Protein backbone atom coordinates (compact mmCIF):
# COMPACT_ATOMS: atom_id res chain seq x y z
CA UNK A 1 101.92 47.49 27.04
CA UNK A 2 103.60 44.73 27.88
CA UNK A 3 102.17 40.83 27.87
CA UNK A 4 103.01 40.46 31.42
CA UNK A 5 101.58 43.80 32.27
CA UNK A 6 98.07 43.01 30.48
CA UNK A 7 98.40 39.55 32.11
CA UNK A 8 98.67 41.32 35.40
CA UNK A 9 95.63 43.43 34.73
CA UNK A 10 92.72 40.51 33.21
CA UNK A 11 94.43 38.85 36.81
CA UNK A 12 92.98 41.33 38.82
CA UNK A 13 90.08 41.77 36.86
CA UNK A 14 89.01 38.34 37.28
CA UNK A 15 90.17 37.74 41.03
CA UNK A 16 87.98 40.88 42.26
CA UNK A 17 85.01 39.42 40.24
CA UNK A 18 84.68 42.52 38.04
CA UNK A 19 83.04 42.12 34.09
CA UNK A 20 84.62 41.23 31.10
CA UNK A 21 83.43 43.14 28.14
CA UNK A 22 84.13 42.16 24.93
CA UNK A 23 83.13 44.95 21.87
CA UNK A 24 81.02 43.52 19.24
CA UNK A 25 82.98 41.17 16.79
CA UNK A 26 85.58 40.31 19.64
CA UNK A 27 86.31 36.58 20.30
CA UNK A 28 87.34 34.47 21.92
CA UNK A 29 90.02 31.89 20.00
CA UNK A 30 90.85 28.56 21.16
CA UNK A 31 93.66 26.66 19.63
CA UNK A 32 95.50 28.06 16.34
CA UNK A 33 98.31 30.76 15.74
CA UNK A 34 98.57 33.64 17.89
CA UNK A 35 98.49 35.84 15.21
CA UNK A 36 96.57 38.99 15.29
CA UNK A 37 93.40 38.10 13.14
CA UNK A 38 93.10 34.83 13.11
CA UNK A 39 90.09 32.97 14.10
CA UNK A 40 92.00 29.70 15.99
CA UNK A 41 90.57 26.34 15.87
CA UNK A 42 87.16 27.46 17.03
CA UNK A 43 86.06 30.90 18.36
CA UNK A 44 82.66 31.95 19.66
CA UNK A 45 81.81 35.99 20.64
CA UNK A 46 78.87 38.91 19.81
CA UNK A 47 78.43 39.78 15.78
CA UNK A 48 76.34 42.90 17.23
CA UNK A 49 73.22 40.60 16.44
CA UNK A 50 73.82 37.04 17.49
CA UNK A 51 76.16 35.17 19.81
CA UNK A 52 78.85 33.38 17.14
CA UNK A 53 80.28 30.06 18.53
CA UNK A 54 81.99 27.93 15.30
CA UNK A 55 85.10 26.33 14.45
CA UNK A 56 87.05 27.78 11.61
CA UNK A 57 86.58 24.49 9.60
CA UNK A 58 83.52 23.56 8.46
CA UNK A 59 82.20 19.96 10.46
CA UNK A 60 85.12 19.78 12.62
CA UNK A 61 85.27 19.31 16.78
CA UNK A 62 82.24 19.03 19.09
CA UNK A 63 80.28 20.77 21.48
CA UNK A 64 80.37 18.26 24.23
CA UNK A 65 78.70 19.24 27.74
CA UNK A 66 80.00 17.05 30.51
CA UNK A 67 82.02 13.70 29.56
CA UNK A 68 78.95 10.68 30.52
CA UNK A 69 80.56 10.54 33.92
CA UNK A 70 80.14 14.15 35.67
CA UNK A 71 77.62 15.62 33.84
CA UNK A 72 75.13 19.22 34.83
CA UNK A 73 71.91 19.83 33.49
CA UNK A 74 71.42 22.16 30.85
CA UNK A 75 68.35 24.06 30.74
CA UNK A 76 67.11 26.82 27.89
CA UNK A 77 64.30 29.65 28.22
CA UNK A 78 61.72 30.05 25.66
CA UNK A 79 60.10 33.55 26.73
CA UNK A 80 59.79 33.22 30.34
CA UNK A 81 59.66 30.54 33.31
CA UNK A 82 56.74 28.51 32.06
CA UNK A 83 58.21 27.25 28.83
CA UNK A 84 61.83 25.88 28.48
CA UNK A 85 63.60 22.59 27.47
CA UNK A 86 65.58 20.61 30.07
CA UNK A 87 68.70 17.86 29.88
CA UNK A 88 67.87 16.43 33.28
CA UNK A 89 70.79 14.00 33.94
CA UNK A 90 69.41 12.64 37.25
CA UNK A 91 66.88 11.79 34.88
CA UNK A 92 68.08 10.67 32.14
CA UNK A 93 65.94 12.28 29.94
CA UNK A 94 65.17 15.51 27.73
CA UNK A 95 61.87 17.40 29.22
CA UNK A 96 59.99 20.04 27.50
CA UNK A 97 57.76 22.63 29.40
CA UNK A 98 55.70 24.86 27.80
CA UNK A 99 51.95 26.53 27.90
CA UNK A 100 50.65 27.32 24.45
CA UNK A 101 48.12 29.46 23.45
CA UNK A 102 46.17 29.36 20.21
CA UNK A 103 45.15 26.93 17.57
CA UNK A 104 48.12 27.64 15.33
CA UNK A 105 50.47 27.42 18.78
CA UNK A 106 53.46 24.34 18.17
CA UNK A 107 55.37 23.13 20.98
CA UNK A 108 57.96 21.56 18.43
CA UNK A 109 57.96 21.61 14.83
CA UNK A 110 59.73 20.30 11.58
CA UNK A 111 59.42 21.74 8.38
CA UNK A 112 61.10 19.16 6.41
CA UNK A 113 61.54 19.94 2.78
CA UNK A 114 63.42 17.09 0.96
CA UNK A 115 65.85 17.57 -2.28
CA UNK A 116 66.72 14.03 -3.02
CA UNK A 117 65.31 10.88 -2.53
CA UNK A 118 62.56 8.89 -0.69
CA UNK A 119 62.95 9.85 3.01
CA UNK A 120 62.20 5.58 3.33
CA UNK A 121 64.13 5.71 6.91
CA UNK A 122 61.10 9.04 8.27
CA UNK A 123 61.75 12.34 9.12
CA UNK A 124 61.49 10.89 12.92
CA UNK A 125 62.65 7.79 13.43
CA UNK A 126 62.32 5.64 16.73
CA UNK A 127 64.58 2.46 17.38
CA UNK A 128 64.65 0.19 20.53
CA UNK A 129 66.26 -2.26 20.49
CA UNK A 130 65.89 -4.69 23.29
CA UNK A 131 69.04 -7.47 24.10
CA UNK A 132 68.86 -7.87 27.73
CA UNK A 133 66.73 -10.33 29.36
CA UNK A 134 64.70 -8.99 32.32
CA UNK A 135 61.91 -10.38 34.43
CA UNK A 136 58.76 -9.51 32.58
CA UNK A 137 55.92 -7.77 34.34
CA UNK A 138 53.03 -7.96 31.41
CA UNK A 139 53.51 -4.57 30.34
CA UNK A 140 55.21 -4.01 26.72
CA UNK A 141 57.95 -1.99 25.58
CA UNK A 142 56.50 1.08 24.09
CA UNK A 143 58.50 2.92 21.40
CA UNK A 144 55.89 5.67 21.09
CA UNK A 145 53.23 6.83 23.21
CA UNK A 146 50.67 10.39 23.43
CA UNK A 147 48.20 10.80 25.92
CA UNK A 148 46.35 13.75 26.25
CA UNK A 149 44.21 14.18 29.12
CA UNK A 150 41.30 17.61 30.02
CA UNK A 151 39.68 18.74 33.06
CA UNK A 152 38.61 22.15 32.19
CA UNK A 153 34.80 22.93 31.78
CA UNK A 154 34.27 24.04 29.20
CA UNK A 155 30.36 25.54 28.36
CA UNK A 156 31.04 25.13 24.99
CA UNK A 157 32.00 21.77 24.78
CA UNK A 158 35.64 20.94 23.12
CA UNK A 159 37.31 17.31 21.35
CA UNK A 160 40.33 15.92 22.06
CA UNK A 161 42.82 13.71 19.94
CA UNK A 162 45.14 11.93 20.83
CA UNK A 163 47.18 11.67 17.37
CA UNK A 164 46.53 13.12 14.09
CA UNK A 165 47.76 12.85 10.61
CA UNK A 166 47.35 13.13 7.21
CA UNK A 167 48.68 12.26 3.67
CA UNK A 168 48.19 14.80 1.01
CA UNK A 169 48.88 14.96 -2.88
CA UNK A 170 49.36 18.39 -3.98
CA UNK A 171 51.01 17.97 -7.07
CA UNK A 172 51.54 15.78 -9.74
CA UNK A 173 50.21 12.07 -9.65
CA UNK A 174 51.15 9.85 -6.85
CA UNK A 175 51.29 6.10 -6.78
CA UNK A 176 49.61 5.23 -3.95
CA UNK A 177 49.16 7.67 -0.85
CA UNK A 178 48.59 6.00 2.95
CA UNK A 179 46.92 7.68 6.16
CA UNK A 180 49.02 5.09 8.40
CA UNK A 181 50.79 2.00 7.96
CA UNK A 182 50.70 -0.18 10.81
CA UNK A 183 52.98 -3.70 10.67
CA UNK A 184 53.94 -6.51 13.22
CA UNK A 185 56.52 -9.45 12.25
CA UNK A 186 57.58 -12.60 14.38
CA UNK A 187 60.60 -13.66 12.58
CA UNK A 188 60.72 -17.36 11.10
CA UNK A 189 62.62 -19.40 14.32
CA UNK A 190 60.88 -16.93 17.17
CA UNK A 191 57.64 -17.69 19.37
CA UNK A 192 54.97 -15.35 19.99
CA UNK A 193 51.35 -16.80 20.99
CA UNK A 194 49.38 -13.43 20.02
CA UNK A 195 50.15 -11.19 16.81
CA UNK A 196 47.52 -8.14 16.28
CA UNK A 197 47.91 -5.29 13.58
CA UNK A 198 45.70 -3.07 15.13
CA UNK A 199 43.58 -3.17 18.25
CA UNK A 200 41.71 -0.33 19.52
CA UNK A 201 39.61 -0.10 22.81
CA UNK A 202 37.02 2.57 23.46
CA UNK A 203 35.78 3.07 26.96
CA UNK A 204 32.67 5.23 28.42
CA UNK A 205 32.35 5.52 32.44
CA UNK A 206 30.14 9.24 32.39
CA UNK A 207 27.23 9.90 29.85
CA UNK A 208 27.45 8.77 26.49
CA UNK A 209 25.07 11.23 24.44
CA UNK A 210 25.24 10.22 21.19
CA UNK A 211 27.28 7.19 19.88
CA UNK A 212 30.62 4.87 20.86
CA UNK A 213 32.40 3.25 17.84
CA UNK A 214 35.70 1.56 17.65
CA UNK A 215 36.42 2.41 14.18
CA UNK A 216 34.84 4.79 11.86
CA UNK A 217 35.81 5.07 8.06
CA UNK A 218 34.60 8.19 6.24
CA UNK A 219 35.14 8.18 2.70
CA UNK A 220 34.86 10.77 0.24
CA UNK A 221 35.41 10.39 -3.55
CA UNK A 222 34.81 14.22 -5.61
CA UNK A 223 36.41 12.84 -8.90
CA UNK A 224 35.21 9.11 -10.17
CA UNK A 225 36.45 7.85 -13.29
CA UNK A 226 35.05 4.72 -13.04
CA UNK A 227 38.48 2.60 -13.17
CA UNK A 228 38.98 2.41 -9.30
CA UNK A 229 36.87 0.32 -6.55
CA UNK A 230 36.39 2.66 -3.45
CA UNK A 231 36.00 -0.09 -0.71
CA UNK A 232 35.52 1.25 2.70
CA UNK A 233 37.18 -2.00 4.82
CA UNK A 234 39.22 -4.86 2.80
CA UNK A 235 40.58 -7.97 4.43
CA UNK A 236 43.55 -9.85 2.50
CA UNK A 237 45.30 -12.33 3.01
CA UNK A 238 48.42 -11.95 0.67
CA UNK A 239 50.40 -14.51 0.89
CA UNK A 240 51.41 -16.83 -1.97
CA UNK A 241 53.74 -19.48 -0.79
CA UNK A 242 50.81 -22.04 -0.08
CA UNK A 243 51.05 -21.66 3.83
CA UNK A 244 47.77 -22.27 5.74
CA UNK A 245 44.32 -20.28 5.34
CA UNK A 246 43.11 -17.59 7.55
CA UNK A 247 40.67 -18.86 9.83
CA UNK A 248 38.20 -16.23 10.23
CA UNK A 249 37.86 -12.85 7.89
CA UNK A 250 35.24 -11.83 10.49
CA UNK A 251 34.68 -13.32 14.01
CA UNK A 252 32.58 -11.71 16.33
CA UNK A 253 33.10 -12.54 20.07
CA UNK A 254 32.14 -10.69 23.57
CA UNK A 255 33.19 -11.72 26.96
CA UNK A 256 30.12 -9.93 28.64
CA UNK A 257 26.60 -11.13 29.29
CA UNK A 258 25.24 -8.50 27.00
CA UNK A 259 26.85 -9.30 23.60
CA UNK A 260 25.42 -7.37 20.60
CA UNK A 261 21.72 -6.74 19.57
CA UNK A 262 22.38 -6.16 15.91
CA UNK A 263 25.09 -7.72 13.34
CA UNK A 264 24.39 -5.06 11.23
CA UNK A 265 22.50 -1.71 10.92
CA UNK A 266 21.67 -0.60 7.98
CA UNK A 267 21.01 3.17 8.19
CA UNK A 268 18.15 3.78 5.57
CA UNK A 269 15.68 2.09 4.35
CA UNK A 270 17.05 2.05 0.64
CA UNK A 271 20.43 2.99 -0.71
CA UNK A 272 22.56 1.48 1.69
CA UNK A 273 23.16 -1.82 0.05
CA UNK A 274 19.39 -2.71 0.85
CA UNK A 275 15.74 -2.43 -1.26
CA UNK A 276 12.60 -3.48 -0.36
CA UNK A 277 11.19 -6.51 -2.31
CA UNK A 278 11.20 -10.31 -2.90
CA UNK A 279 13.41 -12.05 -5.06
CA UNK A 280 13.33 -14.62 -7.90
CA UNK A 281 15.78 -17.67 -7.81
CA UNK A 282 17.64 -19.01 -10.88
CA UNK A 283 14.46 -21.03 -11.48
CA UNK A 284 12.38 -18.06 -10.94
CA UNK A 285 10.53 -18.85 -8.61
CA UNK A 286 9.55 -16.23 -5.93
CA UNK A 287 11.43 -16.17 -2.65
CA UNK A 288 9.11 -13.63 -0.41
CA UNK A 289 10.85 -11.61 1.62
CA UNK A 290 11.01 -8.03 2.84
CA UNK A 291 14.68 -6.83 1.94
CA UNK A 292 16.93 -7.81 0.04
CA UNK A 293 20.81 -7.15 0.37
CA UNK A 294 23.24 -7.00 -2.29
CA UNK A 295 26.68 -8.47 -2.53
CA UNK A 296 28.85 -9.62 -5.18
CA UNK A 297 30.88 -12.74 -5.23
CA UNK A 298 33.21 -13.06 -7.96
CA UNK A 299 31.96 -10.15 -9.85
CA UNK A 300 28.54 -11.40 -10.30
CA UNK A 301 25.77 -9.70 -7.94
CA UNK A 302 23.78 -11.75 -5.77
CA UNK A 303 20.55 -10.96 -2.47
CA UNK A 304 20.66 -12.12 0.35
CA UNK A 305 17.22 -12.18 1.60
CA UNK A 306 16.18 -10.12 4.59
CA UNK A 307 12.79 -10.44 7.32
CA UNK A 308 11.50 -8.03 9.57
CA UNK A 309 9.69 -10.68 11.57
CA UNK A 310 10.66 -13.79 12.96
CA UNK A 311 8.32 -17.06 13.71
């Protein structure tokens, strides 16, 4: 059959809206030669199990949808109409709709196995660079925001956690392990009235049955050779360039008329840095008190007296 006759058949097939059927391992070729068996510059087709679309030479060309002026949405369904990814042109965003079920369900999972040097830029890097001016309305630019809401009526209770991170050593020795590192910086020549490394806010407008905490530090050291220090919270000023000192290590401030009841709350009568009994000063004179609080100054143990009554 001549090429002209074949083209006429193909044209009539398209005009009559009939299906075009390509057999397994038959591909549509783009570019290249017209020789039989040639894969062209790029090709796509069905190999019997997978839809294949690739160039003939690795790392050649791009798969481009739209041109930045005339574009269309791209939607990828994930099993049903409730689970999909949508590249939305009108809203200029990538949207994910998912209905995960089960404690091990995941909407987006990265499985990374480094084979070279450290990944210091991060597996996921969000970089925002504002260079244009605007009228500030009071809210910050936010690079990453996580919000989790629950309106379910759980008879057995429930729990929510907005962010859950873990850094774990499962192999040989590590130099250090950090769970979260948060840093802020105001460059030389720039002006910023306020810098805060970590800001937390805890609010309750319902019924708080047990407790509220701004920061909860839970430490567990199973194997201790005695060489290292175990510190719940450490406050450091590490500037070695002879600049001004930090004014306050701990500042307690409130805007409520109720304020605070206790500066410290030692949960047990003994063992939590406190013990019952009086003190002797360096001249062996007794200091009558009800409890003594242990502290260390420059490597030496000292005691702060505590009294359970006031005059």
